[in-house]
Protein backbone atom coordinates (compact mmCIF):
# COMPACT_ATOMS: atom_id res chain seq x y z
CA MET A 1 8.68 113.04 57.55
CA ASN A 2 7.20 109.85 59.62
CA ALA A 3 6.84 110.13 63.20
CA ASP A 4 9.42 107.43 64.17
CA ILE A 5 12.26 109.75 62.44
CA LEU A 6 10.90 112.55 64.16
CA LYS A 7 11.47 110.78 67.67
CA ARG A 8 14.80 109.38 66.73
CA MET A 9 16.08 112.79 65.89
CA MET A 10 14.98 114.75 69.11
CA ARG A 11 16.65 111.39 70.92
CA ALA A 12 19.75 111.76 68.94
CA ILE A 13 19.72 115.82 69.46
CA ALA A 14 19.04 115.47 73.61
CA ASN A 15 21.84 112.60 73.51
CA GLY A 16 24.47 114.67 71.36
CA SER A 17 24.88 112.03 68.94
CA GLN A 18 26.23 114.00 65.65
CA GLY A 19 26.67 109.89 64.08
CA ASP A 20 23.18 109.50 64.68
CA LEU A 21 21.77 112.85 63.85
CA GLU A 22 23.69 112.30 60.27
CA ARG A 23 21.97 108.86 59.70
CA LEU A 24 18.91 110.41 60.42
CA ALA A 25 18.92 113.13 58.29
CA GLN A 26 19.90 110.85 55.16
CA ALA A 27 16.89 108.70 55.84
CA VAL A 28 14.72 111.90 55.70
CA VAL A 29 16.31 112.98 52.39
CA GLU A 30 15.17 109.01 51.34
CA SER A 31 11.61 109.45 53.09
CA GLU A 32 11.35 113.06 50.65
CA ARG A 33 12.12 111.11 47.68
CA GLN A 34 9.82 108.28 48.46
CA VAL A 35 6.63 110.65 48.76
CA GLY A 36 7.49 112.37 45.54
CA HIS A 37 9.15 115.49 47.29
CA ASN A 38 12.34 115.01 45.05
CA LYS A 39 13.37 118.89 44.53
CA LEU A 40 13.22 119.12 48.58
CA ALA A 41 15.29 115.96 48.90
CA ASP A 42 17.82 117.22 46.78
CA GLN A 43 18.01 120.37 48.31
CA LEU A 44 18.54 118.44 51.85
CA ALA A 45 21.25 116.08 50.05
CA ALA A 46 22.77 119.38 49.06
CA ILE A 47 23.08 121.01 52.10
CA LEU A 48 24.26 117.71 53.41
CA ALA A 49 26.98 117.23 51.42
CA ARG A 50 28.40 120.65 52.57
CA PRO A 51 31.82 120.49 53.98
CA ARG A 52 31.34 120.48 58.09
CA PRO A 53 34.00 120.98 61.10
CA ALA A 54 35.69 118.15 61.96
CA SER A 55 33.68 115.81 64.28
CA LYS A 56 34.29 115.36 67.92
CA SER A 57 34.53 112.03 67.93
CA ALA A 58 35.94 111.65 71.68
CA ASN A 59 33.39 113.71 73.06
CA GLU A 60 30.87 111.61 71.20
CA ASN A 61 32.55 108.32 72.79
CA GLN A 62 32.41 109.77 76.33
CA SER A 63 28.36 110.25 75.59
CA ALA A 64 27.68 106.92 74.39
CA LEU A 65 29.70 105.48 77.21
CA ALA A 66 27.77 107.77 80.03
CA GLU A 67 24.31 106.13 78.53
CA LEU A 68 25.25 102.69 78.61
CA PRO A 69 22.73 101.25 81.02
CA THR A 70 23.80 99.94 84.64
CA ASN A 71 22.62 97.96 87.63
CA ARG A 72 20.66 99.96 89.88
CA ARG A 73 22.12 98.34 93.20
CA TYR A 74 26.15 98.64 92.25
CA GLY A 75 26.13 101.03 89.29
CA ASP A 76 28.29 98.62 87.44
CA GLN A 77 27.35 98.71 83.50
CA LEU A 78 25.38 96.18 81.67
CA ALA A 79 26.84 96.45 78.45
CA THR A 80 29.95 97.51 76.72
CA LEU A 81 30.12 99.55 73.49
CA LEU A 82 32.82 98.51 71.30
CA PRO A 83 34.35 100.98 69.32
CA ARG A 84 34.19 100.46 65.40
CA ASP A 85 37.65 100.54 64.80
CA SER A 86 38.12 97.37 67.25
CA LEU A 87 35.38 95.44 65.10
CA GLU A 88 36.84 92.64 62.90
CA HIS A 89 34.24 92.33 60.02
CA HIS A 90 36.19 90.27 57.26
CA MET A 91 34.42 86.35 57.16
CA VAL A 92 35.23 83.69 54.80
CA LEU A 93 32.16 81.67 54.36
CA PRO A 94 30.06 79.28 52.76
CA PRO A 95 27.95 80.81 49.71
CA GLU A 96 24.56 80.04 51.06
CA VAL A 97 25.65 81.45 54.70
CA GLU A 98 26.67 84.52 52.96
CA GLU A 99 24.12 84.97 51.18
CA ARG A 100 22.24 85.45 54.68
CA PHE A 101 24.41 87.59 56.07
CA VAL A 102 24.23 90.33 52.81
CA ARG A 103 20.45 89.99 52.72
CA ILE A 104 19.97 91.40 56.24
CA GLU A 105 22.32 94.00 55.54
CA LYS A 106 20.78 94.86 52.27
CA GLU A 107 17.28 94.78 54.26
CA TYR A 108 18.69 97.18 56.84
CA ALA A 109 20.04 99.53 54.34
CA ALA A 110 16.67 99.97 52.76
CA ARG A 111 14.09 99.49 55.99
CA GLU A 112 12.47 102.87 54.82
CA ARG A 113 11.78 101.64 51.36
CA LEU A 114 10.29 98.45 52.94
CA GLY A 115 8.47 100.40 55.33
CA ALA A 116 6.79 102.45 52.65
CA TYR A 117 5.12 99.11 51.79
CA GLY A 118 4.35 98.32 54.87
CA LEU A 119 7.28 95.65 55.22
CA ARG A 120 9.66 94.87 58.02
CA ASN A 121 13.41 94.63 57.44
CA ARG A 122 14.74 91.13 59.48
CA LYS A 123 15.42 92.91 63.08
CA THR A 124 16.32 90.03 65.47
CA ILE A 125 18.61 87.34 64.14
CA LEU A 126 20.34 84.18 65.78
CA LEU A 127 23.30 82.58 64.95
CA TYR A 128 24.00 79.02 66.33
CA GLY A 129 27.00 76.52 65.98
CA PRO A 130 29.87 75.04 67.64
CA PRO A 131 32.77 77.48 69.22
CA GLY A 132 34.89 79.40 67.19
CA CYS A 133 33.00 79.26 64.14
CA GLY A 134 32.67 83.13 63.87
CA LYS A 135 28.87 83.48 65.45
CA SER A 136 30.75 87.03 67.31
CA LEU A 137 32.22 88.23 64.40
CA GLY A 138 29.04 87.43 62.56
CA ALA A 139 27.71 90.32 64.62
CA LYS A 140 30.72 92.44 64.28
CA ARG A 141 30.71 91.85 60.52
CA LEU A 142 26.63 93.27 60.90
CA ALA A 143 27.60 96.36 62.75
CA TRP A 144 30.10 97.26 60.74
CA ASN A 145 28.46 97.10 57.63
CA THR A 146 25.10 98.67 58.87
CA GLY A 147 27.68 101.53 59.99
CA LEU A 148 25.79 101.00 64.13
CA PRO A 149 27.23 100.77 66.90
CA LEU A 150 27.77 97.34 68.35
CA LEU A 151 26.52 96.98 72.30
CA LYS A 152 27.59 94.13 73.95
CA VAL A 153 25.53 92.53 77.12
CA ARG A 154 27.82 91.61 80.04
CA PHE A 155 26.02 88.90 81.25
CA ASP A 156 28.46 89.12 84.82
CA THR A 157 26.48 92.24 85.90
CA LEU A 158 23.35 91.65 84.35
CA LEU A 159 22.72 88.12 86.07
CA SER A 160 21.67 88.84 90.07
CA SER A 161 20.21 86.65 92.89
CA TYR A 162 18.02 88.98 93.95
CA PHE A 163 14.75 88.11 93.04
CA GLY A 164 13.52 89.86 89.51
CA GLU A 165 16.71 92.22 89.53
CA SER A 166 18.06 90.09 86.68
CA ALA A 167 14.97 90.57 84.58
CA SER A 168 14.84 94.54 85.51
CA ASN A 169 18.60 94.40 84.17
CA LEU A 170 17.56 93.12 81.06
CA ARG A 171 14.81 95.32 80.45
CA ALA A 172 17.07 98.24 80.70
CA VAL A 173 19.50 96.66 78.47
CA PHE A 174 16.24 96.55 75.31
CA GLU A 175 15.04 99.90 76.67
CA ALA A 176 18.97 101.53 75.66
CA ALA A 177 18.79 100.01 72.83
CA LYS A 178 15.55 101.16 71.80
CA GLU A 179 16.98 104.99 72.49
CA ARG A 180 20.05 104.48 70.48
CA PRO A 181 20.02 102.46 67.11
CA CYS A 182 22.88 99.83 67.88
CA VAL A 183 23.64 95.98 67.07
CA LEU A 184 22.57 94.46 70.50
CA LEU A 185 24.49 91.15 71.04
CA LEU A 186 23.60 88.63 73.35
CA ASP A 187 26.47 86.59 73.14
CA GLU A 188 26.10 83.12 74.14
CA CYS A 189 22.88 83.48 75.17
CA ASP A 190 22.19 80.07 76.73
CA PHE A 191 22.92 81.96 80.02
CA ILE A 192 19.28 83.52 79.73
CA ALA A 193 17.74 81.30 77.31
CA ARG A 194 17.52 77.62 78.77
CA SER A 195 14.64 75.64 78.26
CA ARG A 196 11.81 76.38 80.65
CA THR A 197 11.46 72.73 81.09
CA ASN A 198 14.68 72.17 82.54
CA GLY A 199 13.99 70.83 85.90
CA ARG A 200 17.24 72.11 87.34
CA ASP A 201 15.99 75.42 86.65
CA ILE A 202 14.47 77.43 89.60
CA GLY A 203 12.32 80.59 89.94
CA GLU A 204 14.43 83.45 88.65
CA ALA A 205 15.91 81.65 85.77
CA SER A 206 12.06 80.84 84.94
CA ARG A 207 11.63 84.45 85.25
CA ILE A 208 14.24 85.82 82.91
CA VAL A 209 13.42 83.54 80.33
CA ASN A 210 10.06 84.83 80.53
CA SER A 211 10.85 88.68 80.20
CA LEU A 212 13.17 87.64 77.74
CA LEU A 213 10.51 86.16 75.52
CA GLN A 214 8.42 89.35 76.11
CA LEU A 215 10.95 91.68 75.53
CA MET A 216 11.65 89.91 71.96
CA GLU A 217 7.84 89.66 71.35
CA GLU A 218 7.58 93.44 71.74
CA TYR A 219 11.17 94.50 70.07
CA ASP A 220 10.86 97.33 68.07
CA ALA A 221 14.31 99.04 68.44
CA PRO A 222 15.68 101.09 65.75
CA GLY A 223 18.74 98.65 65.25
CA LEU A 224 19.57 94.94 64.79
CA LEU A 225 19.26 92.46 67.79
CA VAL A 226 22.01 89.56 67.37
CA ALA A 227 22.10 86.60 69.45
CA THR A 228 24.54 83.67 69.71
CA THR A 229 25.04 79.85 71.23
CA ASN A 230 26.51 77.23 71.00
CA ILE A 231 23.73 74.78 72.16
CA GLU A 232 20.83 75.95 70.67
CA ASP A 233 19.13 72.71 71.80
CA SER A 234 18.65 73.65 75.28
CA LEU A 235 17.36 76.50 74.38
CA ASP A 236 13.74 77.47 75.04
CA THR A 237 11.87 76.54 72.21
CA ALA A 238 9.76 79.67 72.24
CA LEU A 239 12.52 82.02 71.85
CA PHE A 240 13.21 80.49 67.99
CA ARG A 241 9.64 82.14 67.14
CA ARG A 242 10.64 85.46 68.36
CA PHE A 243 13.74 85.60 65.65
CA ASP A 244 13.52 86.80 62.13
CA ASP A 245 16.16 85.08 61.09
CA VAL A 246 17.57 82.00 62.88
CA PHE A 247 20.83 80.34 60.80
CA GLN A 248 23.96 77.96 61.37
CA VAL A 249 27.10 79.47 61.12
CA PRO A 250 29.51 76.02 60.02
CA PRO A 251 32.82 75.12 60.42
CA PRO A 252 34.63 75.84 57.54
CA GLY A 253 34.86 73.49 54.62
CA ALA A 254 38.23 72.95 52.30
CA GLY A 255 37.23 76.03 50.09
CA GLU A 256 36.73 78.21 52.96
CA ILE A 257 39.89 76.91 55.36
CA GLU A 258 42.41 77.42 52.11
CA LYS A 259 40.83 81.02 51.50
CA LEU A 260 40.98 81.83 55.58
CA LEU A 261 45.02 80.88 55.54
CA LYS A 262 45.97 82.90 52.38
CA THR A 263 43.91 85.45 53.39
CA THR A 264 45.94 86.19 56.67
CA LEU A 265 49.01 85.48 55.01
CA SER A 266 48.72 88.23 52.55
CA ALA A 267 50.65 90.77 54.16
CA VAL A 268 53.87 88.14 54.35
CA HIS A 269 55.36 86.27 51.41
CA CYS A 270 54.34 82.46 51.19
CA SER A 271 56.41 80.08 49.66
CA GLU A 272 55.64 79.08 46.06
CA GLU A 273 56.41 75.38 47.23
CA ILE A 274 53.64 75.00 49.98
CA GLU A 275 51.28 72.25 49.27
CA TRP A 276 47.61 74.00 50.26
CA SER A 277 45.97 70.62 50.08
CA ASN A 278 48.20 69.15 52.73
CA ILE A 279 47.69 71.92 55.58
CA VAL A 280 43.87 72.24 54.73
CA ARG A 281 43.98 68.73 55.44
CA LYS A 282 45.35 68.79 58.39
CA LEU A 283 43.06 71.50 59.81
CA THR A 284 40.04 70.07 58.03
CA GLY A 285 37.22 69.46 60.90
CA LEU A 286 38.82 72.66 63.32
CA SER A 287 37.00 75.97 63.66
CA ALA A 288 37.40 78.99 61.32
CA ALA A 289 39.24 80.79 65.10
CA GLN A 290 41.93 77.52 64.98
CA ALA A 291 42.45 77.96 61.01
CA LEU A 292 43.07 81.59 61.82
CA LYS A 293 45.37 80.93 64.78
CA ALA A 294 47.60 78.60 62.81
CA ALA A 295 48.44 81.28 59.92
CA GLN A 296 48.93 83.66 62.49
CA ASP A 297 51.33 81.39 64.47
CA ALA A 298 53.29 80.38 61.39
CA ALA A 299 53.60 83.80 60.11
CA LYS A 300 55.34 85.10 63.47
CA ALA A 301 57.47 82.02 63.53
CA SER A 302 58.77 83.11 60.24
CA VAL A 303 59.52 86.64 61.33
CA LEU A 304 60.85 85.81 64.36
CA SER A 305 63.68 83.13 62.93
CA GLY A 306 64.37 86.20 60.52
CA GLN A 307 63.52 84.34 57.33
CA LYS A 308 61.13 86.26 55.25
CA VAL A 309 59.12 83.29 53.60
CA VAL A 310 56.31 81.54 55.40
CA THR A 311 57.09 77.85 54.38
CA GLU A 312 55.10 74.69 54.53
CA ASP A 313 57.14 73.58 57.97
CA HIS A 314 56.08 76.71 59.29
CA LEU A 315 52.61 75.58 58.98
CA SER A 316 52.88 72.45 59.90
CA LYS A 317 54.61 73.20 62.92
CA ALA A 318 51.92 75.52 64.14
CA ILE A 319 49.26 73.05 63.29
CA ALA A 320 50.54 70.11 65.28
CA GLU A 321 51.24 72.64 68.42
CA LEU A 322 47.57 73.92 67.68
CA THR A 323 46.17 70.05 67.83
CA HIS A 324 48.38 69.20 70.94
CA THR A 325 46.97 71.81 73.07
CA GLU A 326 43.68 71.18 71.92
CA MET A 327 43.97 67.46 72.76
CA GLN A 328 45.46 68.62 76.69
CA ALA A 329 42.23 70.87 76.94
CA GLN A 330 40.06 68.09 75.99
CA ALA A 331 41.71 65.62 78.50
């Protein structure tokens, strides 16, 4: 058993985290198989397969919440732990983007095996693209498929006007991610990662960018770090080199829109007379979140009207209302 697993196991015991202990136990079994101790690995696997008492998930969640990093000045939590049952994880993506997500998930699952060959799984990921395209959803999907909890940084409490406090808060968050395996989400990281060449930035902004660069350089937590941004062009160029993988989550194409609509409406009955190509054309250029909302609004309109079938008229009205609202917001 390697030293990293031992340290993580001791932390899990100290934190009272049954979930982490079970994942580490599986890692021990896999580690023993890799070094040829197959009989021992079989015995350990058989022990793990025995029936066990019901887990005390509520107590475990309370313990996890109590361990969240806090702002030393006011005691406010610097991150939010999202429960697993709140993680949306179904995504409709172009094949090449889906492959990027799957590769991250496969590498995480095989991290111990990769380590045996001196290789490291992709740990730090930057997702970029326009608003509503699914970047935050991508982080939730990675958390769901890897079985890791999602720890979302709260920039409202992390950023401080006091000298050096923002950088100190950021370091506390990274330390928490190192102690407890998770997907650490820096959502819309433009807040702390803007280019240091921006002439309007003052000392504290530059300090937090420098701190982030250093923390990324040293990052070796057992989980994943996912950062998202809408405006990748304004990010500090040095930051891009710190990520193991950087890729775009694009707006949905025609095929993705149709599949997203039909998946969202799968719980209700849709009229066979719907011309899906007409509906898709009206949604072309909009985000995945907007297409999802249009489908949900059409389904709700159908239910509230007493009808049991979603028609093309329901969808067209929902899209028209959506686009009208968007035009007003942009005016």
